[in-house]
Amino acid sequence: MKLSSCAAALMATALLASLAGASKTPAAQAAGTAALPNVNMEATVKAAQIDPRRADDTLTPGAKASVLLVEKALRDKKLLDAKWVDGYFGTTTIAAYAKYQKSLGYTGLDASGLPGKTSLAKLGSGRFKVAHVIGPGERVSSRGVTINTRTRDMLAAAEKLLNRDLALDQGSYNPGGDPTSAGTHDGGGVVDVSVKGMNAATRTSVARALRQVGFAAWVRNPNQGDWPWHIHAAAISDTDLSSAAQHQTGDYYLGLNGLANHGPDDGPKVTIRTWEEYQRR
């Protein structure tokens, strides 16, 4: 059967397109479909809390590849000198990332140098994809204070472990509300748990449960500062943490007490996990 001239033309066009595709080298085809590398946000945020508190240049396990991608992007934006592209998210990288956040118009908690999911995605545009995304969630009223949904869920998980409810003396997002807290409650993820009616053993068990679900938590007593007995808890890797709270979570990983005296950790020993790691255990 004869083909119409129109049909023949269409077939010829399709044949030419097929031949053109086949003529590409394997390298050229791969370049057109190459996937962008991943930045593991969980690992990056963890490094951004721990590395600035280290006394040496030890890298945070599992974070180097992701931190390098972030640092290279900051370097290419003229925000970080090439000599600091080393996989170590120290104070210089924190400062560079804060400059980047400010360049996006962010202020306050959103420009603390701790990577947030939106700024990290923008930094990675055309360079890398963001995997293992984390975020604090919305601010909510819970237990008479303001916290975020990530913190609320973490507290609920600790209560389940303890089989008891927890009352809060202080919540999050409370800038200047308590001068004795040294700014730790200015951002998200930080609460003070009431220990009213608890004996020493119970206080320790509560601190342990909080640590198990992803808080850096310590029993605080009046001999340590101008405050009553309470349990101070900072949610590790909450991207709304104030700078002071970021320092506390970093110190916790390094075996310190989170206080200005940089004393040894005096809390119950547990395997340190973030909330996300606790959920995957």
Protein backbone atom coordinates (compact mmCIF):
# COMPACT_ATOMS: atom_id res chain seq x y z
CA MET A 1 0.00 0.00 0.00
CA LYS A 2 1.37 3.41 -0.91
CA LEU A 3 1.97 5.94 1.82
CA SER A 4 0.69 9.45 1.43
CA SER A 5 3.34 12.13 1.03
CA CYS A 6 2.41 13.53 4.49
CA ALA A 7 2.81 10.17 6.21
CA ALA A 8 6.11 9.57 4.45
CA ALA A 9 7.41 12.93 5.61
CA LEU A 10 6.45 12.18 9.20
CA MET A 11 8.20 8.83 9.10
CA ALA A 12 11.34 10.43 7.67
CA THR A 13 11.36 13.06 10.43
CA ALA A 14 11.02 10.39 13.12
CA LEU A 15 13.83 8.35 11.53
CA LEU A 16 16.16 11.36 11.48
CA ALA A 17 15.41 12.16 15.15
CA SER A 18 16.13 8.56 16.09
CA LEU A 19 19.42 8.57 14.22
CA ALA A 20 20.42 11.89 15.81
CA GLY A 21 19.83 10.46 19.30
CA ALA A 22 21.75 7.31 18.51
CA SER A 23 24.70 9.34 17.26
CA LYS A 24 25.32 10.86 20.72
CA THR A 25 28.23 9.42 22.59
CA PRO A 26 27.54 7.64 25.91
CA ALA A 27 29.32 10.50 27.71
CA ALA A 28 27.08 13.10 26.09
CA GLN A 29 23.96 11.13 26.96
CA ALA A 30 25.13 10.76 30.57
CA ALA A 31 25.85 14.47 30.85
CA GLY A 32 22.31 15.26 29.81
CA THR A 33 20.77 13.02 32.45
CA ALA A 34 23.35 13.25 35.27
CA ALA A 35 21.66 13.46 38.66
CA LEU A 36 22.64 16.21 41.05
CA PRO A 37 24.42 15.06 44.21
CA ASN A 38 22.54 14.99 47.49
CA VAL A 39 23.18 17.11 50.56
CA ASN A 40 22.06 15.22 53.64
CA MET A 41 20.37 17.98 55.63
CA GLU A 42 20.31 15.98 58.86
CA ALA A 43 24.07 15.43 58.75
CA THR A 44 24.78 19.02 57.69
CA VAL A 45 22.72 20.55 60.49
CA LYS A 46 24.32 18.20 63.01
CA ALA A 47 27.79 19.31 61.87
CA ALA A 48 26.75 22.97 62.08
CA GLN A 49 25.96 22.46 65.77
CA ILE A 50 28.97 20.34 66.74
CA ASP A 51 31.90 21.59 64.65
CA PRO A 52 31.93 25.19 65.96
CA ARG A 53 32.24 23.84 69.52
CA ARG A 54 35.18 21.52 68.86
CA ALA A 55 38.65 22.28 70.16
CA ASP A 56 40.13 20.60 67.07
CA ASP A 57 39.23 20.11 63.42
CA THR A 58 37.72 16.63 63.69
CA LEU A 59 34.95 16.19 61.14
CA THR A 60 31.45 15.17 62.17
CA PRO A 61 30.97 11.55 61.06
CA GLY A 62 28.85 11.20 57.93
CA ALA A 63 28.74 14.93 57.19
CA LYS A 64 31.87 15.66 55.15
CA ALA A 65 30.50 15.12 51.64
CA SER A 66 27.40 17.22 52.30
CA VAL A 67 29.28 20.00 54.07
CA LEU A 68 31.76 20.19 51.19
CA LEU A 69 28.93 20.73 48.71
CA VAL A 70 27.52 23.52 50.87
CA GLU A 71 30.93 25.13 51.31
CA LYS A 72 31.69 25.00 47.58
CA ALA A 73 28.40 26.76 46.87
CA LEU A 74 29.23 29.45 49.45
CA ARG A 75 32.71 29.80 47.94
CA ASP A 76 31.29 30.30 44.45
CA LYS A 77 29.04 33.02 45.85
CA LYS A 78 32.16 34.77 47.21
CA LEU A 79 31.02 34.24 50.78
CA LEU A 80 33.68 31.73 51.86
CA ASP A 81 37.40 31.62 51.07
CA ALA A 82 38.55 28.49 49.29
CA LYS A 83 40.84 27.53 52.17
CA TRP A 84 37.77 26.92 54.35
CA VAL A 85 36.21 24.42 51.93
CA ASP A 86 37.23 21.45 54.04
CA GLY A 87 34.09 19.59 55.13
CA TYR A 88 34.25 21.19 58.58
CA PHE A 89 31.21 23.34 59.42
CA GLY A 90 33.09 25.55 61.86
CA THR A 91 32.58 29.16 62.91
CA THR A 92 33.83 30.54 59.57
CA THR A 93 31.33 28.44 57.60
CA ILE A 94 28.57 29.38 60.06
CA ALA A 95 29.35 33.06 59.47
CA ALA A 96 29.39 32.56 55.70
CA TYR A 97 26.07 30.74 55.75
CA ALA A 98 24.56 33.51 57.90
CA LYS A 99 25.69 36.05 55.29
CA TYR A 100 24.01 33.96 52.63
CA GLN A 101 20.78 33.84 54.64
CA LYS A 102 20.88 37.61 55.08
CA SER A 103 21.43 38.01 51.33
CA LEU A 104 18.06 36.27 50.90
CA GLY A 105 16.46 38.86 53.16
CA TYR A 106 16.30 36.64 56.25
CA THR A 107 16.74 38.08 59.72
CA GLY A 108 16.77 36.86 63.32
CA LEU A 109 16.44 33.09 63.77
CA ASP A 110 16.36 32.61 60.01
CA ALA A 111 19.85 34.12 59.66
CA SER A 112 21.68 32.33 62.46
CA GLY A 113 24.03 30.37 60.20
CA LEU A 114 22.21 27.10 60.92
CA PRO A 115 20.93 25.77 57.56
CA GLY A 116 17.17 25.78 57.13
CA LYS A 117 15.39 23.76 54.46
CA THR A 118 14.39 26.77 52.34
CA SER A 119 17.79 28.48 52.32
CA LEU A 120 19.57 25.17 51.73
CA ALA A 121 17.34 24.36 48.77
CA LYS A 122 17.99 27.80 47.27
CA LEU A 123 21.73 27.46 47.77
CA GLY A 124 21.62 24.10 46.03
CA SER A 125 19.69 25.26 42.98
CA GLY A 126 21.42 23.64 39.99
CA ARG A 127 24.13 22.23 42.27
CA PHE A 128 22.66 19.70 44.65
CA LYS A 129 19.41 18.28 45.94
CA VAL A 130 18.49 18.33 49.62
CA ALA A 131 17.82 14.90 51.11
CA HIS A 132 16.71 13.94 54.63
CA VAL A 133 14.94 17.28 55.01
CA ILE A 134 14.11 18.38 58.55
CA GLY A 135 12.17 21.31 59.96
CA PRO A 136 10.74 22.56 63.25
CA GLY A 137 7.12 22.66 62.14
CA GLU A 138 4.60 25.30 63.07
CA ARG A 139 4.53 27.20 66.34
CA VAL A 140 1.75 25.98 68.61
CA SER A 141 0.47 26.57 72.11
CA SER A 142 1.01 23.49 74.26
CA ARG A 143 1.17 22.95 78.02
CA GLY A 144 0.58 26.66 78.53
CA VAL A 145 3.61 27.81 76.50
CA THR A 146 4.66 28.28 72.88
CA ILE A 147 6.66 25.52 71.24
CA ASN A 148 6.82 24.05 67.73
CA THR A 149 5.24 20.84 66.53
CA ARG A 150 8.55 18.95 66.39
CA THR A 151 9.18 19.77 70.06
CA ARG A 152 5.60 18.88 70.95
CA ASP A 153 5.95 15.47 69.30
CA MET A 154 9.26 14.86 71.05
CA LEU A 155 7.76 15.65 74.45
CA ALA A 156 4.86 13.31 73.74
CA ALA A 157 7.32 10.52 72.90
CA ALA A 158 9.21 11.11 76.15
CA GLU A 159 5.94 11.01 78.10
CA LYS A 160 5.12 7.69 76.50
CA LEU A 161 8.46 6.28 77.66
CA LEU A 162 7.88 7.61 81.17
CA ASN A 163 4.17 6.82 81.35
CA ARG A 164 3.60 10.24 82.89
CA ASP A 165 2.73 13.76 81.78
CA LEU A 166 5.28 16.56 81.86
CA ALA A 167 4.60 20.15 82.84
CA LEU A 168 6.64 23.03 81.43
CA ASP A 169 7.98 26.02 83.34
CA GLN A 170 9.14 27.74 80.16
CA GLY A 171 8.72 27.22 76.46
CA SER A 172 10.36 28.43 73.26
CA TYR A 173 10.38 31.64 71.20
CA ASN A 174 10.68 33.72 74.35
CA PRO A 175 13.35 36.35 73.58
CA GLY A 176 14.39 38.21 76.70
CA GLY A 177 11.73 36.43 78.76
CA ASP A 178 14.22 34.92 81.19
CA PRO A 179 17.60 36.65 81.60
CA THR A 180 19.01 33.61 83.41
CA SER A 181 18.58 31.42 80.31
CA ALA A 182 21.34 33.28 78.40
CA GLY A 183 19.23 33.40 75.23
CA THR A 184 18.67 29.65 74.92
CA HIS A 185 14.88 30.10 74.91
CA ASP A 186 14.96 32.91 72.32
CA GLY A 187 14.39 30.42 69.50
CA GLY A 188 12.64 27.10 69.06
CA GLY A 189 13.26 23.65 70.44
CA VAL A 190 14.05 24.61 74.04
CA VAL A 191 11.90 24.00 77.13
CA ASP A 192 12.27 23.89 80.88
CA VAL A 193 10.46 20.94 82.42
CA SER A 194 8.98 21.33 85.88
CA VAL A 195 10.31 18.91 88.50
CA LYS A 196 7.72 19.77 91.12
CA GLY A 197 7.01 16.71 93.25
CA MET A 198 9.88 14.69 91.73
CA ASN A 199 12.61 13.07 93.76
CA ALA A 200 16.20 12.78 92.52
CA ALA A 201 15.63 9.42 90.84
CA THR A 202 12.55 10.66 89.00
CA ARG A 203 14.33 13.79 87.80
CA THR A 204 17.09 11.63 86.39
CA SER A 205 14.63 9.28 84.69
CA VAL A 206 12.86 12.24 83.04
CA ALA A 207 16.17 13.65 81.79
CA ARG A 208 17.06 10.21 80.43
CA ALA A 209 13.78 9.87 78.53
CA LEU A 210 14.19 13.36 77.06
CA ARG A 211 17.67 12.43 75.89
CA GLN A 212 16.44 9.20 74.38
CA VAL A 213 14.00 11.01 72.07
CA GLY A 214 16.49 13.64 70.89
CA PHE A 215 16.88 16.38 73.49
CA ALA A 216 20.11 17.57 75.02
CA ALA A 217 18.71 17.54 78.56
CA TRP A 218 20.15 18.27 81.99
CA VAL A 219 18.79 18.46 85.51
CA ARG A 220 19.58 22.00 86.69
CA ASN A 221 19.89 22.94 90.36
CA PRO A 222 20.15 26.27 92.26
CA ASN A 223 23.86 25.77 92.91
CA GLN A 224 24.57 26.10 89.18
CA GLY A 225 22.85 29.44 88.60
CA ASP A 226 20.12 31.85 89.55
CA TRP A 227 17.28 29.41 88.98
CA PRO A 228 15.19 26.80 90.81
CA TRP A 229 15.38 23.04 90.23
CA HIS A 230 14.24 22.20 86.71
CA ILE A 231 15.19 20.13 83.67
CA HIS A 232 16.54 22.13 80.75
CA ALA A 233 16.03 20.47 77.36
CA ALA A 234 17.14 21.61 73.90
CA ALA A 235 15.91 19.67 70.87
CA ILE A 236 18.96 18.62 68.85
CA SER A 237 18.87 19.78 65.20
CA ASP A 238 15.84 22.04 65.60
CA THR A 239 16.64 24.55 62.85
CA ASP A 240 14.96 27.31 64.90
CA LEU A 241 17.48 26.97 67.75
CA SER A 242 18.97 30.23 68.95
CA SER A 243 22.75 30.53 68.68
CA ALA A 244 23.08 29.91 72.41
CA ALA A 245 20.98 26.75 72.16
CA GLN A 246 23.00 25.58 69.14
CA HIS A 247 26.09 25.84 71.33
CA GLN A 248 24.41 23.73 74.02
CA THR A 249 23.52 20.93 71.63
CA GLY A 250 27.03 20.94 70.23
CA ASP A 251 28.48 20.78 73.74
CA TYR A 252 26.19 17.86 74.56
CA TYR A 253 27.70 15.83 71.72
CA LEU A 254 31.14 16.66 73.07
CA GLY A 255 30.37 15.43 76.59
CA LEU A 256 29.85 18.82 78.23
CA ASN A 257 27.15 20.20 80.51
CA GLY A 258 25.86 23.02 78.30
CA LEU A 259 26.76 25.66 80.87
CA ALA A 260 29.16 28.59 80.58
CA ASN A 261 31.74 26.75 82.70
CA HIS A 262 32.05 24.01 80.04
CA GLY A 263 32.00 21.36 82.75
CA PRO A 264 31.62 17.65 82.05
CA ASP A 265 28.19 16.29 81.25
CA ASP A 266 26.47 15.41 84.54
CA GLY A 267 23.39 13.79 83.02
CA PRO A 268 22.39 10.15 82.46
CA LYS A 269 24.36 8.37 79.77
CA VAL A 270 22.40 7.41 76.67
CA THR A 271 23.13 6.89 72.98
CA ILE A 272 22.87 10.38 71.53
CA ARG A 273 20.21 10.56 68.83
CA THR A 274 18.25 13.26 67.07
CA TRP A 275 14.46 13.03 66.95
CA GLU A 276 14.64 11.73 63.38
CA GLU A 277 17.18 9.08 64.36
CA TYR A 278 15.01 8.05 67.31
CA GLN A 279 12.06 7.53 64.99
CA ARG A 280 14.15 5.32 62.68
CA ARG A 281 15.72 3.22 65.45
